[in-house]
Amino acid sequence: MICLQEFWNEYKREAFPNIHPQDKDVFLKNSKQCYHQIESYKDYCTKERFLADSSTFLHLSLDPDPFAGNLETAEIFILLLNPGFGPSSYYWQEFSNHGELPDCLSIRDVNHFPNKNFDPTRSAVGDFLWWQRKFDPLIRHILAEYKTKKYWDVLSVLSHKIASIELFPYASQSFRWKAWYDDLKSVNVARDYVKQNLIKRAAKGDITLICLRGAARWGLRKDSEVLPLCQNSDSICIYEPKDARAAGLGPRASGGKAIIKQLKKSVL
């Protein structure tokens, strides 16, 4: 069975570009015009660099971000297209790696928050802010239902129960699929992990699977061979293209309802 974690254990940050070793040949053959090296946060803040590239520019000076959360213990999996990018991205990578962030920001509480995107110590980071906006209506709903819980408590529960997977693990401000992305090993490993592992588990009701972005790219379109499994399980939620861009996860949204149902099995 495909193991996404083991595949990404092969990645080591060595020299620019920061890509998985099994992706390098495809990248070097196809993508020389869509990235260049950014040496540091200071380099990025110069007139020539700061928000100067196209929105689809690939920031390969940043580490790949293929998934978040504990893939072994998560009960809710959210499928996305690629990691976002914001002006603070270089700051957080550079200074967190060098141990130069303030103590309250540099110490990750992995016991309470295995999924970094729900960790309050990262609440100034772009990815936390994106996820918090998505989940705030759902969190408020849970707080109203279970008045003994605090916002921090719900974030911790979500951090344990939710994992997310990016189909294309390299960051950009906005995203446009290119045909050669289908040749990347990382993309195919992610797809196979979903088809061979998560779809089957969700079809049996063991986990909840939510495809928030890029169903067709994930191979979950109408002519997909896995569609019968998806149609016959209320544990699989696929957002249509017209809903995906502003996809909500509030208590009334299909994804939010699926999350609440899964949480009620174990923690609510």
C-alpha atoms as a PDB file:
ATOM      1  CA  MET A   1       0.000   0.000   0.000  1.00  0.00           C
ATOM      2  CA  ILE A   2       1.205   3.522  -0.834  1.00  0.00           C
ATOM      3  CA  CYS A   3       2.589   5.331   2.231  1.00  0.00           C
ATOM      4  CA  LEU A   4       2.592   9.093   1.848  1.00  0.00           C
ATOM      5  CA  GLN A   5       4.601   9.622   5.029  1.00  0.00           C
ATOM      6  CA  GLU A   6       7.392   7.285   3.933  1.00  0.00           C
ATOM      7  CA  PHE A   7       7.593   8.926   0.521  1.00  0.00           C
ATOM      8  CA  TRP A   8       8.090  12.361   2.057  1.00  0.00           C
ATOM      9  CA  ASN A   9      10.631  11.054   4.558  1.00  0.00           C
ATOM     10  CA  GLU A  10      12.952  10.956   1.534  1.00  0.00           C
ATOM     11  CA  TYR A  11      12.860  14.753   1.262  1.00  0.00           C
ATOM     12  CA  LYS A  12      15.820  16.662   2.702  1.00  0.00           C
ATOM     13  CA  ARG A  13      16.454  20.336   2.231  1.00  0.00           C
ATOM     14  CA  GLU A  14      19.846  20.374   0.550  1.00  0.00           C
ATOM     15  CA  ALA A  15      20.104  22.780  -2.342  1.00  0.00           C
ATOM     16  CA  PHE A  16      17.696  24.932  -4.308  1.00  0.00           C
ATOM     17  CA  PRO A  17      15.135  24.119  -5.602  1.00  0.00           C
ATOM     18  CA  ASN A  18      13.432  22.582  -2.560  1.00  0.00           C
ATOM     19  CA  ILE A  19      11.631  19.696  -4.225  1.00  0.00           C
ATOM     20  CA  HIS A  20      11.286  15.976  -3.610  1.00  0.00           C
ATOM     21  CA  PRO A  21      14.231  14.063  -5.174  1.00  0.00           C
ATOM     22  CA  GLN A  22      11.820  11.981  -7.266  1.00  0.00           C
ATOM     23  CA  ASP A  23      10.305  15.174  -8.724  1.00  0.00           C
ATOM     24  CA  LYS A  24      13.563  16.785  -9.786  1.00  0.00           C
ATOM     25  CA  ASP A  25      13.918  15.389 -13.289  1.00  0.00           C
ATOM     26  CA  VAL A  26      10.397  16.422 -14.260  1.00  0.00           C
ATOM     27  CA  PHE A  27      10.846  19.879 -12.746  1.00  0.00           C
ATOM     28  CA  LEU A  28      14.157  20.560 -14.408  1.00  0.00           C
ATOM     29  CA  LYS A  29      12.788  19.491 -17.770  1.00  0.00           C
ATOM     30  CA  ASN A  30       9.627  21.606 -17.640  1.00  0.00           C
ATOM     31  CA  SER A  31       9.661  24.465 -15.186  1.00  0.00           C
ATOM     32  CA  LYS A  32      12.727  26.683 -15.572  1.00  0.00           C
ATOM     33  CA  GLN A  33      10.579  29.704 -16.359  1.00  0.00           C
ATOM     34  CA  CYS A  34       8.257  29.460 -13.363  1.00  0.00           C
ATOM     35  CA  TYR A  35      10.660  29.816 -10.428  1.00  0.00           C
ATOM     36  CA  HIS A  36      13.916  31.387  -9.299  1.00  0.00           C
ATOM     37  CA  GLN A  37      15.850  31.310  -6.063  1.00  0.00           C
ATOM     38  CA  ILE A  38      15.039  33.623  -3.185  1.00  0.00           C
ATOM     39  CA  GLU A  39      17.918  33.547  -0.726  1.00  0.00           C
ATOM     40  CA  SER A  40      16.239  34.873   2.418  1.00  0.00           C
ATOM     41  CA  TYR A  41      13.376  36.874   3.861  1.00  0.00           C
ATOM     42  CA  LYS A  42      15.522  39.987   3.414  1.00  0.00           C
ATOM     43  CA  ASP A  43      16.045  39.089  -0.245  1.00  0.00           C
ATOM     44  CA  TYR A  44      12.307  38.629  -0.716  1.00  0.00           C
ATOM     45  CA  CYS A  45      11.560  42.078   0.763  1.00  0.00           C
ATOM     46  CA  THR A  46      13.589  43.927  -1.881  1.00  0.00           C
ATOM     47  CA  LYS A  47      11.957  46.027  -4.580  1.00  0.00           C
ATOM     48  CA  GLU A  48      12.839  43.434  -7.226  1.00  0.00           C
ATOM     49  CA  ARG A  49      11.257  40.517  -5.325  1.00  0.00           C
ATOM     50  CA  PHE A  50       8.388  41.598  -3.029  1.00  0.00           C
ATOM     51  CA  LEU A  51       5.129  40.416  -4.646  1.00  0.00           C
ATOM     52  CA  ALA A  52       6.835  41.059  -7.984  1.00  0.00           C
ATOM     53  CA  ASP A  53       6.300  37.646  -9.537  1.00  0.00           C
ATOM     54  CA  SER A  54       3.122  36.373 -11.138  1.00  0.00           C
ATOM     55  CA  SER A  55       0.553  34.918  -8.763  1.00  0.00           C
ATOM     56  CA  THR A  56       1.241  31.419 -10.156  1.00  0.00           C
ATOM     57  CA  PHE A  57       4.998  31.684  -9.517  1.00  0.00           C
ATOM     58  CA  LEU A  58       6.236  28.570  -7.664  1.00  0.00           C
ATOM     59  CA  HIS A  59       8.072  29.419  -4.451  1.00  0.00           C
ATOM     60  CA  LEU A  60      10.595  26.586  -4.487  1.00  0.00           C
ATOM     61  CA  SER A  61      12.841  28.324  -1.972  1.00  0.00           C
ATOM     62  CA  LEU A  62      10.180  27.273   0.535  1.00  0.00           C
ATOM     63  CA  ASP A  63       9.867  23.695   1.751  1.00  0.00           C
ATOM     64  CA  PRO A  64       7.163  21.555   0.159  1.00  0.00           C
ATOM     65  CA  ASP A  65       4.043  21.212   2.300  1.00  0.00           C
ATOM     66  CA  PRO A  66       2.482  17.914   1.184  1.00  0.00           C
ATOM     67  CA  PHE A  67       0.251  17.258   4.194  1.00  0.00           C
ATOM     68  CA  ALA A  68      -0.569  18.422   7.702  1.00  0.00           C
ATOM     69  CA  GLY A  69      -1.706  16.383  10.691  1.00  0.00           C
ATOM     70  CA  ASN A  70      -1.151  12.800  11.758  1.00  0.00           C
ATOM     71  CA  LEU A  71      -1.941  10.533   8.812  1.00  0.00           C
ATOM     72  CA  GLU A  72      -1.990   7.465  11.053  1.00  0.00           C
ATOM     73  CA  THR A  73      -4.543   8.664  13.595  1.00  0.00           C
ATOM     74  CA  ALA A  74      -6.633  11.303  11.789  1.00  0.00           C
ATOM     75  CA  GLU A  75     -10.299  10.476  11.203  1.00  0.00           C
ATOM     76  CA  ILE A  76     -11.115  13.335   8.825  1.00  0.00           C
ATOM     77  CA  PHE A  77      -9.080  13.951   5.655  1.00  0.00           C
ATOM     78  CA  ILE A  78      -9.385  17.109   3.586  1.00  0.00           C
ATOM     79  CA  LEU A  79      -8.057  17.121   0.020  1.00  0.00           C
ATOM     80  CA  LEU A  80      -6.690  20.374  -1.432  1.00  0.00           C
ATOM     81  CA  LEU A  81      -4.748  21.433  -4.531  1.00  0.00           C
ATOM     82  CA  ASN A  82      -1.592  23.209  -3.327  1.00  0.00           C
ATOM     83  CA  PRO A  83      -0.216  25.227  -0.407  1.00  0.00           C
ATOM     84  CA  GLY A  84      -0.915  28.929  -0.488  1.00  0.00           C
ATOM     85  CA  PHE A  85       1.646  31.695  -0.249  1.00  0.00           C
ATOM     86  CA  GLY A  86       1.713  35.036   1.548  1.00  0.00           C
ATOM     87  CA  PRO A  87       4.310  37.737   2.275  1.00  0.00           C
ATOM     88  CA  SER A  88       5.064  36.187   5.687  1.00  0.00           C
ATOM     89  CA  SER A  89       5.923  32.733   4.293  1.00  0.00           C
ATOM     90  CA  TYR A  90       9.652  33.381   3.922  1.00  0.00           C
ATOM     91  CA  TYR A  91       9.832  35.013   7.344  1.00  0.00           C
ATOM     92  CA  TRP A  92       8.345  32.027   9.137  1.00  0.00           C
ATOM     93  CA  GLN A  93      10.455  29.455   7.327  1.00  0.00           C
ATOM     94  CA  GLU A  94      13.725  31.311   7.804  1.00  0.00           C
ATOM     95  CA  PHE A  95      13.416  32.354  11.423  1.00  0.00           C
ATOM     96  CA  SER A  96      11.656  29.281  12.766  1.00  0.00           C
ATOM     97  CA  ASN A  97      14.394  27.097  11.248  1.00  0.00           C
ATOM     98  CA  HIS A  98      17.112  29.228  12.849  1.00  0.00           C
ATOM     99  CA  GLY A  99      15.417  29.309  16.234  1.00  0.00           C
ATOM    100  CA  GLU A 100      15.124  33.087  16.177  1.00  0.00           C
ATOM    101  CA  LEU A 101      11.390  33.432  16.740  1.00  0.00           C
ATOM    102  CA  PRO A 102      10.163  34.524  20.193  1.00  0.00           C
ATOM    103  CA  ASP A 103       9.811  31.571  22.551  1.00  0.00           C
ATOM    104  CA  CYS A 104       6.013  31.705  22.483  1.00  0.00           C
ATOM    105  CA  LEU A 105       6.092  31.298  18.696  1.00  0.00           C
ATOM    106  CA  SER A 106       8.934  28.852  18.224  1.00  0.00           C
ATOM    107  CA  ILE A 107       7.774  26.092  20.586  1.00  0.00           C
ATOM    108  CA  ARG A 108       5.228  23.923  18.790  1.00  0.00           C
ATOM    109  CA  ASP A 109       2.824  22.102  21.099  1.00  0.00           C
ATOM    110  CA  VAL A 110       2.709  18.897  19.062  1.00  0.00           C
ATOM    111  CA  ASN A 111       1.013  16.943  21.861  1.00  0.00           C
ATOM    112  CA  HIS A 112      -2.077  19.146  21.816  1.00  0.00           C
ATOM    113  CA  PHE A 113      -1.775  20.247  18.181  1.00  0.00           C
ATOM    114  CA  PRO A 114      -0.373  17.536  15.878  1.00  0.00           C
ATOM    115  CA  ASN A 115      -1.838  19.433  12.908  1.00  0.00           C
ATOM    116  CA  LYS A 116       0.144  22.680  12.751  1.00  0.00           C
ATOM    117  CA  ASN A 117      -2.663  24.514  11.001  1.00  0.00           C
ATOM    118  CA  PHE A 118      -4.738  24.526  14.196  1.00  0.00           C
ATOM    119  CA  ASP A 119      -1.922  25.451  16.611  1.00  0.00           C
ATOM    120  CA  PRO A 120      -2.604  28.842  18.303  1.00  0.00           C
ATOM    121  CA  THR A 121       1.141  29.499  18.631  1.00  0.00           C
ATOM    122  CA  ARG A 122       1.107  29.856  14.835  1.00  0.00           C
ATOM    123  CA  SER A 123      -1.884  32.191  14.751  1.00  0.00           C
ATOM    124  CA  ALA A 124       0.093  34.900  12.924  1.00  0.00           C
ATOM    125  CA  VAL A 125       0.983  32.498  10.098  1.00  0.00           C
ATOM    126  CA  GLY A 126      -0.954  32.593   6.837  1.00  0.00           C
ATOM    127  CA  ASP A 127      -1.936  28.919   6.805  1.00  0.00           C
ATOM    128  CA  PHE A 128      -3.353  29.080  10.349  1.00  0.00           C
ATOM    129  CA  LEU A 129      -5.374  32.172   9.421  1.00  0.00           C
ATOM    130  CA  TRP A 130      -6.771  30.461   6.306  1.00  0.00           C
ATOM    131  CA  TRP A 131      -7.856  27.394   8.255  1.00  0.00           C
ATOM    132  CA  GLN A 132      -9.221  29.423  11.157  1.00  0.00           C
ATOM    133  CA  ARG A 133     -11.442  31.410   8.785  1.00  0.00           C
ATOM    134  CA  LYS A 134     -12.693  28.174   7.235  1.00  0.00           C
ATOM    135  CA  PHE A 135     -13.443  26.524  10.553  1.00  0.00           C
ATOM    136  CA  ASP A 136     -14.545  29.429  12.735  1.00  0.00           C
ATOM    137  CA  PRO A 137     -18.313  28.987  12.045  1.00  0.00           C
ATOM    138  CA  LEU A 138     -18.034  25.279  12.822  1.00  0.00           C
ATOM    139  CA  ILE A 139     -16.041  25.931  15.997  1.00  0.00           C
ATOM    140  CA  ARG A 140     -18.601  28.519  17.151  1.00  0.00           C
ATOM    141  CA  HIS A 141     -21.367  25.983  16.510  1.00  0.00           C
ATOM    142  CA  ILE A 142     -19.591  23.347  18.626  1.00  0.00           C
ATOM    143  CA  LEU A 143     -19.023  25.888  21.412  1.00  0.00           C
ATOM    144  CA  ALA A 144     -22.719  26.745  21.435  1.00  0.00           C
ATOM    145  CA  GLU A 145     -23.638  23.058  21.648  1.00  0.00           C
ATOM    146  CA  TYR A 146     -21.044  22.122  24.279  1.00  0.00           C
ATOM    147  CA  LYS A 147     -20.737  25.100  26.572  1.00  0.00           C
ATOM    148  CA  THR A 148     -18.024  23.500  28.721  1.00  0.00           C
ATOM    149  CA  LYS A 149     -15.484  23.706  25.905  1.00  0.00           C
ATOM    150  CA  LYS A 150     -13.189  26.622  25.069  1.00  0.00           C
ATOM    151  CA  TYR A 151     -12.073  27.714  21.600  1.00  0.00           C
ATOM    152  CA  TRP A 152      -8.588  26.309  22.376  1.00  0.00           C
ATOM    153  CA  ASP A 153     -10.139  22.934  23.267  1.00  0.00           C
ATOM    154  CA  VAL A 154     -11.973  22.676  19.949  1.00  0.00           C
ATOM    155  CA  LEU A 155      -8.845  23.657  18.021  1.00  0.00           C
ATOM    156  CA  SER A 156      -6.991  20.855  19.804  1.00  0.00           C
ATOM    157  CA  VAL A 157      -9.718  18.323  18.958  1.00  0.00           C
ATOM    158  CA  LEU A 158      -9.675  19.360  15.303  1.00  0.00           C
ATOM    159  CA  SER A 159      -5.878  19.229  15.252  1.00  0.00           C
ATOM    160  CA  HIS A 160      -5.970  15.594  16.397  1.00  0.00           C
ATOM    161  CA  LYS A 161      -8.838  14.500  14.178  1.00  0.00           C
ATOM    162  CA  ILE A 162      -8.098  16.320  10.904  1.00  0.00           C
ATOM    163  CA  ALA A 163      -5.353  15.850   8.347  1.00  0.00           C
ATOM    164  CA  SER A 164      -5.098  17.642   5.018  1.00  0.00           C
ATOM    165  CA  ILE A 165      -3.292  16.578   1.847  1.00  0.00           C
ATOM    166  CA  GLU A 166      -2.101  18.818  -0.973  1.00  0.00           C
ATOM    167  CA  LEU A 167      -2.117  17.239  -4.441  1.00  0.00           C
ATOM    168  CA  PHE A 168       0.642  19.554  -5.693  1.00  0.00           C
ATOM    169  CA  PRO A 169       2.869  20.197  -2.644  1.00  0.00           C
ATOM    170  CA  TYR A 170       4.670  23.364  -3.802  1.00  0.00           C
ATOM    171  CA  ALA A 171       3.481  26.833  -2.792  1.00  0.00           C
ATOM    172  CA  SER A 172       2.087  29.600  -4.977  1.00  0.00           C
ATOM    173  CA  GLN A 173      -0.133  32.591  -4.376  1.00  0.00           C
ATOM    174  CA  SER A 174      -2.718  31.283  -6.843  1.00  0.00           C
ATOM    175  CA  PHE A 175      -2.749  28.071  -8.787  1.00  0.00           C
ATOM    176  CA  ARG A 176      -3.171  26.973 -12.388  1.00  0.00           C
ATOM    177  CA  TRP A 177      -2.711  23.306 -13.294  1.00  0.00           C
ATOM    178  CA  LYS A 178      -0.153  22.509 -15.993  1.00  0.00           C
ATOM    179  CA  ALA A 179      -0.148  19.270 -17.945  1.00  0.00           C
ATOM    180  CA  TRP A 180       3.340  18.245 -16.821  1.00  0.00           C
ATOM    181  CA  TYR A 181       2.284  18.284 -13.154  1.00  0.00           C
ATOM    182  CA  ASP A 182       0.662  14.909 -13.878  1.00  0.00           C
ATOM    183  CA  ASP A 183       4.157  13.473 -14.409  1.00  0.00           C
ATOM    184  CA  LEU A 184       5.383  14.405 -10.931  1.00  0.00           C
ATOM    185  CA  LYS A 185       5.957  11.444  -8.648  1.00  0.00           C
ATOM    186  CA  SER A 186       4.669  13.382  -5.624  1.00  0.00           C
ATOM    187  CA  VAL A 187       1.361  14.073  -7.385  1.00  0.00           C
ATOM    188  CA  ASN A 188       0.891  10.430  -8.333  1.00  0.00           C
ATOM    189  CA  VAL A 189       1.815   9.181  -4.856  1.00  0.00           C
ATOM    190  CA  ALA A 190      -0.787  11.512  -3.325  1.00  0.00           C
ATOM    191  CA  ARG A 191      -3.443  10.331  -5.784  1.00  0.00           C
ATOM    192  CA  ASP A 192      -2.624   6.674  -5.194  1.00  0.00           C
ATOM    193  CA  TYR A 193      -2.692   7.148  -1.421  1.00  0.00           C
ATOM    194  CA  VAL A 194      -6.199   8.548  -1.660  1.00  0.00           C
ATOM    195  CA  LYS A 195      -7.476   5.889  -4.079  1.00  0.00           C
ATOM    196  CA  GLN A 196      -5.820   2.864  -2.483  1.00  0.00           C
ATOM    197  CA  ASN A 197      -6.238   3.879   1.146  1.00  0.00           C
ATOM    198  CA  LEU A 198      -8.560   6.750   2.019  1.00  0.00           C
ATOM    199  CA  ILE A 199     -11.389   6.088  -0.452  1.00  0.00           C
ATOM    200  CA  LYS A 200     -11.700   2.486   0.726  1.00  0.00           C
ATOM    201  CA  ARG A 201     -11.626   3.433   4.401  1.00  0.00           C
ATOM    202  CA  ALA A 202     -14.192   6.174   3.896  1.00  0.00           C
ATOM    203  CA  ALA A 203     -16.454   3.838   1.909  1.00  0.00           C
ATOM    204  CA  LYS A 204     -16.517   1.554   4.971  1.00  0.00           C
ATOM    205  CA  GLY A 205     -17.296   4.493   7.252  1.00  0.00           C
ATOM    206  CA  ASP A 206     -14.002   4.325   9.141  1.00  0.00           C
ATOM    207  CA  ILE A 207     -13.009   7.891   8.220  1.00  0.00           C
ATOM    208  CA  THR A 208     -14.531  10.952   6.592  1.00  0.00           C
ATOM    209  CA  LEU A 209     -13.020  12.187   3.321  1.00  0.00           C
ATOM    210  CA  ILE A 210     -13.712  15.710   2.045  1.00  0.00           C
ATOM    211  CA  CYS A 211     -12.418  16.842  -1.336  1.00  0.00           C
ATOM    212  CA  LEU A 212     -12.475  20.610  -0.965  1.00  0.00           C
ATOM    213  CA  ARG A 213     -10.544  21.509  -4.124  1.00  0.00           C
ATOM    214  CA  GLY A 214      -9.715  19.902  -7.455  1.00  0.00           C
ATOM    215  CA  ALA A 215     -11.912  16.790  -7.530  1.00  0.00           C
ATOM    216  CA  ALA A 216     -11.110  16.177 -11.199  1.00  0.00           C
ATOM    217  CA  ARG A 217      -7.360  16.502 -10.575  1.00  0.00           C
ATOM    218  CA  TRP A 218      -7.618  14.059  -7.701  1.00  0.00           C
ATOM    219  CA  GLY A 219      -9.302  11.544 -10.016  1.00  0.00           C
ATOM    220  CA  LEU A 220     -12.696  11.898  -8.323  1.00  0.00           C
ATOM    221  CA  ARG A 221     -14.589  13.193 -11.349  1.00  0.00           C
ATOM    222  CA  LYS A 222     -17.764  11.666 -12.734  1.00  0.00           C
ATOM    223  CA  ASP A 223     -16.032   9.152 -15.003  1.00  0.00           C
ATOM    224  CA  SER A 224     -13.663   7.964 -12.277  1.00  0.00           C
ATOM    225  CA  GLU A 225     -13.549   4.277 -11.432  1.00  0.00           C
ATOM    226  CA  VAL A 226     -13.867   5.143  -7.721  1.00  0.00           C
ATOM    227  CA  LEU A 227     -17.126   7.069  -8.210  1.00  0.00           C
ATOM    228  CA  PRO A 228     -19.403   4.160  -7.157  1.00  0.00           C
ATOM    229  CA  LEU A 229     -17.612   4.038  -3.799  1.00  0.00           C
ATOM    230  CA  CYS A 230     -18.029   7.788  -3.414  1.00  0.00           C
ATOM    231  CA  GLN A 231     -21.737   7.726  -4.303  1.00  0.00           C
ATOM    232  CA  ASN A 232     -22.545   4.913  -1.906  1.00  0.00           C
ATOM    233  CA  SER A 233     -20.927   6.462   1.167  1.00  0.00           C
ATOM    234  CA  ASP A 234     -22.085   9.433   3.209  1.00  0.00           C
ATOM    235  CA  SER A 235     -18.524   9.579   4.596  1.00  0.00           C
ATOM    236  CA  ILE A 236     -17.220  10.975   1.283  1.00  0.00           C
ATOM    237  CA  CYS A 237     -17.965  14.594   0.440  1.00  0.00           C
ATOM    238  CA  ILE A 238     -16.837  16.009  -2.918  1.00  0.00           C
ATOM    239  CA  TYR A 239     -17.249  19.718  -3.592  1.00  0.00           C
ATOM    240  CA  GLU A 240     -18.326  20.600  -7.115  1.00  0.00           C
ATOM    241  CA  PRO A 241     -16.108  23.047  -9.065  1.00  0.00           C
ATOM    242  CA  LYS A 242     -18.676  25.865  -8.717  1.00  0.00           C
ATOM    243  CA  ASP A 243     -18.538  25.505  -4.916  1.00  0.00           C
ATOM    244  CA  ALA A 244     -14.848  24.741  -4.473  1.00  0.00           C
ATOM    245  CA  ARG A 245     -13.350  28.238  -4.713  1.00  0.00           C
ATOM    246  CA  ALA A 246     -15.310  29.598  -1.746  1.00  0.00           C
ATOM    247  CA  ALA A 247     -15.843  26.194  -0.193  1.00  0.00           C
ATOM    248  CA  GLY A 248     -17.266  26.535   3.287  1.00  0.00           C
ATOM    249  CA  LEU A 249     -16.936  24.188   6.236  1.00  0.00           C
ATOM    250  CA  GLY A 250     -19.571  25.761   8.451  1.00  0.00           C
ATOM    251  CA  PRO A 251     -22.213  23.662  10.244  1.00  0.00           C
ATOM    252  CA  ARG A 252     -24.676  24.002   7.342  1.00  0.00           C
ATOM    253  CA  ALA A 253     -22.180  23.185   4.587  1.00  0.00           C
ATOM    254  CA  SER A 254     -21.929  19.589   3.367  1.00  0.00           C
ATOM    255  CA  GLY A 255     -18.327  19.335   4.552  1.00  0.00           C
ATOM    256  CA  GLY A 256     -19.144  20.826   7.938  1.00  0.00           C
ATOM    257  CA  LYS A 257     -22.016  18.390   8.446  1.00  0.00           C
ATOM    258  CA  ALA A 258     -19.718  15.485   7.566  1.00  0.00           C
ATOM    259  CA  ILE A 259     -17.108  16.696  10.069  1.00  0.00           C
ATOM    260  CA  ILE A 260     -19.648  17.022  12.886  1.00  0.00           C
ATOM    261  CA  LYS A 261     -20.990  13.534  12.160  1.00  0.00           C
ATOM    262  CA  GLN A 262     -17.488  12.056  12.355  1.00  0.00           C
ATOM    263  CA  LEU A 263     -16.609  13.953  15.532  1.00  0.00           C
ATOM    264  CA  LYS A 264     -19.768  12.704  17.241  1.00  0.00           C
ATOM    265  CA  LYS A 265     -18.484   9.137  16.849  1.00  0.00           C
ATOM    266  CA  SER A 266     -15.567   9.755  19.182  1.00  0.00           C
ATOM    267  CA  VAL A 267     -15.327  13.123  20.913  1.00  0.00           C
ATOM    268  CA  LEU A 268     -18.606  15.099  20.836  1.00  0.00           C
END
